[in-house]
C-alpha atoms as a PDB file:
ATOM      1  CA  MET A   1       0.000   0.000   0.000  1.00  0.00           C
ATOM      2  CA  ASN A   2       2.738   2.427   0.973  1.00  0.00           C
ATOM      3  CA  LYS A   3       4.654   1.841  -2.263  1.00  0.00           C
ATOM      4  CA  TYR A   4       1.513   2.122  -4.398  1.00  0.00           C
ATOM      5  CA  LEU A   5       0.490   5.377  -2.726  1.00  0.00           C
ATOM      6  CA  LYS A   6       3.970   6.823  -3.158  1.00  0.00           C
ATOM      7  CA  GLU A   7       3.984   6.012  -6.874  1.00  0.00           C
ATOM      8  CA  ASN A   8       0.386   6.975  -7.710  1.00  0.00           C
ATOM      9  CA  HIS A   9      -0.879   9.369  -5.004  1.00  0.00           C
ATOM     10  CA  PHE A  10       2.235  11.165  -3.796  1.00  0.00           C
ATOM     11  CA  GLU A  11       0.464  13.992  -1.929  1.00  0.00           C
ATOM     12  CA  LYS A  12      -1.646  11.538   0.110  1.00  0.00           C
ATOM     13  CA  TRP A  13       1.427   9.374   0.769  1.00  0.00           C
ATOM     14  CA  LYS A  14       3.315  12.454   1.967  1.00  0.00           C
ATOM     15  CA  TYR A  15       0.440  13.420   4.295  1.00  0.00           C
ATOM     16  CA  ILE A  16       0.111   9.914   5.762  1.00  0.00           C
ATOM     17  CA  ASN A  17       3.831   9.431   6.344  1.00  0.00           C
ATOM     18  CA  HIS A  18       4.675  12.945   7.580  1.00  0.00           C
ATOM     19  CA  ILE A  19       6.131  13.001  11.083  1.00  0.00           C
ATOM     20  CA  GLY A  20       6.416  16.461  12.624  1.00  0.00           C
ATOM     21  CA  SER A  21       9.370  18.482  11.419  1.00  0.00           C
ATOM     22  CA  ILE A  22      11.187  15.347  10.209  1.00  0.00           C
ATOM     23  CA  GLY A  23       9.022  15.001   7.108  1.00  0.00           C
ATOM     24  CA  PRO A  24       7.808  11.911   5.246  1.00  0.00           C
ATOM     25  CA  LEU A  25      10.112   9.101   6.315  1.00  0.00           C
ATOM     26  CA  THR A  26       8.125   6.144   7.569  1.00  0.00           C
ATOM     27  CA  VAL A  27       4.540   5.214   8.434  1.00  0.00           C
ATOM     28  CA  ASN A  28       2.850   7.537  10.922  1.00  0.00           C
ATOM     29  CA  SER A  29       0.260   5.391  12.726  1.00  0.00           C
ATOM     30  CA  PHE A  30      -1.712   8.437  13.877  1.00  0.00           C
ATOM     31  CA  THR A  31      -2.605   9.241  10.268  1.00  0.00           C
ATOM     32  CA  TRP A  32      -2.235   5.790   8.692  1.00  0.00           C
ATOM     33  CA  ILE A  33      -4.881   3.911  10.728  1.00  0.00           C
ATOM     34  CA  PRO A  34      -7.594   6.583  10.310  1.00  0.00           C
ATOM     35  CA  PHE A  35      -6.899   6.582   6.559  1.00  0.00           C
ATOM     36  CA  ILE A  36      -7.272   2.799   6.384  1.00  0.00           C
ATOM     37  CA  PHE A  37     -10.664   2.960   8.109  1.00  0.00           C
ATOM     38  CA  SER A  38     -11.895   6.075   6.294  1.00  0.00           C
ATOM     39  CA  GLU A  39     -14.162   6.137   3.245  1.00  0.00           C
ATOM     40  CA  ASP A  40     -11.514   8.046   1.255  1.00  0.00           C
ATOM     41  CA  ASP A  41     -10.363   5.647  -1.481  1.00  0.00           C
ATOM     42  CA  LEU A  42      -8.865   8.398  -3.666  1.00  0.00           C
ATOM     43  CA  ASP A  43     -11.212   7.264  -6.464  1.00  0.00           C
ATOM     44  CA  ASP A  44      -8.858   4.353  -7.087  1.00  0.00           C
ATOM     45  CA  ARG A  45     -10.109   0.756  -7.189  1.00  0.00           C
ATOM     46  CA  ILE A  46      -6.686  -0.637  -6.225  1.00  0.00           C
ATOM     47  CA  VAL A  47      -6.535   1.556  -3.101  1.00  0.00           C
ATOM     48  CA  GLU A  48     -10.041   0.432  -2.186  1.00  0.00           C
ATOM     49  CA  ASP A  49      -9.112  -3.266  -2.524  1.00  0.00           C
ATOM     50  CA  ILE A  50      -5.876  -2.876  -0.578  1.00  0.00           C
ATOM     51  CA  LYS A  51      -7.657  -1.000   2.214  1.00  0.00           C
ATOM     52  CA  LYS A  52     -10.295  -3.748   2.477  1.00  0.00           C
ATOM     53  CA  GLN A  53      -7.597  -6.398   2.820  1.00  0.00           C
ATOM     54  CA  ILE A  54      -5.670  -4.378   5.416  1.00  0.00           C
ATOM     55  CA  ARG A  55      -8.866  -3.796   7.441  1.00  0.00           C
ATOM     56  CA  LYS A  56      -9.628  -7.525   7.456  1.00  0.00           C
ATOM     57  CA  ASN A  57      -6.112  -8.374   8.590  1.00  0.00           C
ATOM     58  CA  PHE A  58      -6.078  -5.612  11.204  1.00  0.00           C
ATOM     59  CA  ILE A  59      -9.397  -6.696  12.705  1.00  0.00           C
ATOM     60  CA  PHE A  60      -8.399 -10.375  12.716  1.00  0.00           C
ATOM     61  CA  SER A  61      -5.036  -9.565  14.335  1.00  0.00           C
ATOM     62  CA  THR A  62      -6.633  -7.371  16.988  1.00  0.00           C
ATOM     63  CA  ILE A  63      -9.241  -9.979  17.892  1.00  0.00           C
ATOM     64  CA  SER A  64      -6.589 -12.703  18.006  1.00  0.00           C
ATOM     65  CA  PHE A  65      -4.302 -10.587  20.170  1.00  0.00           C
ATOM     66  CA  PHE A  66      -6.997 -10.087  22.819  1.00  0.00           C
ATOM     67  CA  LEU A  67      -8.597 -13.512  22.530  1.00  0.00           C
ATOM     68  CA  MET A  68      -5.493 -15.714  22.805  1.00  0.00           C
ATOM     69  CA  PRO A  69      -4.667 -14.936  26.475  1.00  0.00           C
ATOM     70  CA  ILE A  70      -8.283 -15.565  27.461  1.00  0.00           C
ATOM     71  CA  LEU A  71      -8.408 -18.877  25.631  1.00  0.00           C
ATOM     72  CA  SER A  72      -5.039 -19.851  27.092  1.00  0.00           C
ATOM     73  CA  LEU A  73      -6.350 -19.303  30.601  1.00  0.00           C
ATOM     74  CA  MET A  74      -9.569 -21.175  29.893  1.00  0.00           C
ATOM     75  CA  PHE A  75      -7.829 -24.296  28.597  1.00  0.00           C
ATOM     76  CA  MET A  76      -4.905 -24.512  31.006  1.00  0.00           C
END
């Protein structure tokens, strides 16, 4: 996603990856996560598909992260 945005939507990539006075270096989670869950797909079908996949993975990972300790305690 990051590479695709940099190549095709440079201004949005710059906004998402901008960190204070340092500039666009790496992923800034404070702007990246809201962008992933926003409706803004930049009128690009590829961005829309990538965002859907990232949302699915993010939700699955979050649920797994919180569910695993509970299940571990239940089945010990």
